[in-house]
Amino acid sequence: MSIWRVILCIIFPPLAIIDKGCGSFLIVFLLTLCGWVPGVIAALIINNKK
């Protein structure tokens, strides 16, 4: 995972995982709406998977 992707996960989590699929995007988007920290954590976890 590149440093730019990590920064994007912190600033705007749904945009960081747009290429991972619609389901992942929707989950991270909803978590970000519920709270910024859960969205960031989910985006980092999804981006860390191969």
C-alpha atoms as a PDB file:
ATOM      1  CA  MET A   1       0.000   0.000   0.000  1.00  0.00           C
ATOM      2  CA  SER A   2       1.462   3.328  -1.034  1.00  0.00           C
ATOM      3  CA  ILE A   3       1.736   6.376   1.183  1.00  0.00           C
ATOM      4  CA  TRP A   4      -0.717   8.234  -1.066  1.00  0.00           C
ATOM      5  CA  ARG A   5      -3.332   5.536  -0.551  1.00  0.00           C
ATOM      6  CA  VAL A   6      -2.872   5.753   3.233  1.00  0.00           C
ATOM      7  CA  ILE A   7      -3.251   9.538   3.145  1.00  0.00           C
ATOM      8  CA  LEU A   8      -6.378   9.165   1.019  1.00  0.00           C
ATOM      9  CA  CYS A   9      -7.750   6.618   3.513  1.00  0.00           C
ATOM     10  CA  ILE A  10      -7.328   9.154   6.280  1.00  0.00           C
ATOM     11  CA  ILE A  11      -8.713  12.163   4.401  1.00  0.00           C
ATOM     12  CA  PHE A  12     -11.637  10.560   2.538  1.00  0.00           C
ATOM     13  CA  PRO A  13     -11.975   6.799   3.143  1.00  0.00           C
ATOM     14  CA  PRO A  14     -14.599   5.922   0.474  1.00  0.00           C
ATOM     15  CA  LEU A  15     -12.512   7.448  -2.300  1.00  0.00           C
ATOM     16  CA  ALA A  16      -9.503   5.371  -1.269  1.00  0.00           C
ATOM     17  CA  ILE A  17     -11.277   2.075  -1.962  1.00  0.00           C
ATOM     18  CA  ILE A  18     -13.274   3.002  -5.050  1.00  0.00           C
ATOM     19  CA  ASP A  19     -11.387   0.366  -7.071  1.00  0.00           C
ATOM     20  CA  LYS A  20     -12.127  -2.480  -4.608  1.00  0.00           C
ATOM     21  CA  GLY A  21     -15.769  -2.893  -5.623  1.00  0.00           C
ATOM     22  CA  CYS A  22     -19.205  -1.504  -4.971  1.00  0.00           C
ATOM     23  CA  GLY A  23     -19.827  -3.487  -1.775  1.00  0.00           C
ATOM     24  CA  SER A  24     -16.633  -2.329  -0.122  1.00  0.00           C
ATOM     25  CA  PHE A  25     -17.309   1.250  -1.161  1.00  0.00           C
ATOM     26  CA  LEU A  26     -20.810   1.117   0.289  1.00  0.00           C
ATOM     27  CA  ILE A  27     -19.656  -0.370   3.590  1.00  0.00           C
ATOM     28  CA  VAL A  28     -16.904   2.204   4.051  1.00  0.00           C
ATOM     29  CA  PHE A  29     -19.233   5.019   3.007  1.00  0.00           C
ATOM     30  CA  LEU A  30     -21.830   4.011   5.586  1.00  0.00           C
ATOM     31  CA  LEU A  31     -19.204   3.612   8.292  1.00  0.00           C
ATOM     32  CA  THR A  32     -17.816   7.037   7.428  1.00  0.00           C
ATOM     33  CA  LEU A  33     -21.293   8.523   7.774  1.00  0.00           C
ATOM     34  CA  CYS A  34     -21.660   6.903  11.199  1.00  0.00           C
ATOM     35  CA  GLY A  35     -18.296   8.164  12.313  1.00  0.00           C
ATOM     36  CA  TRP A  36     -15.094   9.182  10.635  1.00  0.00           C
ATOM     37  CA  VAL A  37     -12.828   6.828  12.625  1.00  0.00           C
ATOM     38  CA  PRO A  38     -14.702   3.581  11.755  1.00  0.00           C
ATOM     39  CA  GLY A  39     -14.592   4.550   8.080  1.00  0.00           C
ATOM     40  CA  VAL A  40     -10.841   5.164   8.224  1.00  0.00           C
ATOM     41  CA  ILE A  41     -10.203   1.857   9.990  1.00  0.00           C
ATOM     42  CA  ALA A  42     -12.330  -0.086   7.503  1.00  0.00           C
ATOM     43  CA  ALA A  43     -10.648   1.608   4.529  1.00  0.00           C
ATOM     44  CA  LEU A  44      -7.187   0.787   5.893  1.00  0.00           C
ATOM     45  CA  ILE A  45      -8.166  -2.841   6.498  1.00  0.00           C
ATOM     46  CA  ILE A  46      -9.690  -3.266   3.033  1.00  0.00           C
ATOM     47  CA  ASN A  47      -6.704  -1.621   1.350  1.00  0.00           C
ATOM     48  CA  ASN A  48      -4.280  -3.785   3.309  1.00  0.00           C
ATOM     49  CA  LYS A  49      -5.787  -7.020   1.955  1.00  0.00           C
ATOM     50  CA  LYS A  50      -4.233  -8.403  -1.199  1.00  0.00           C
END
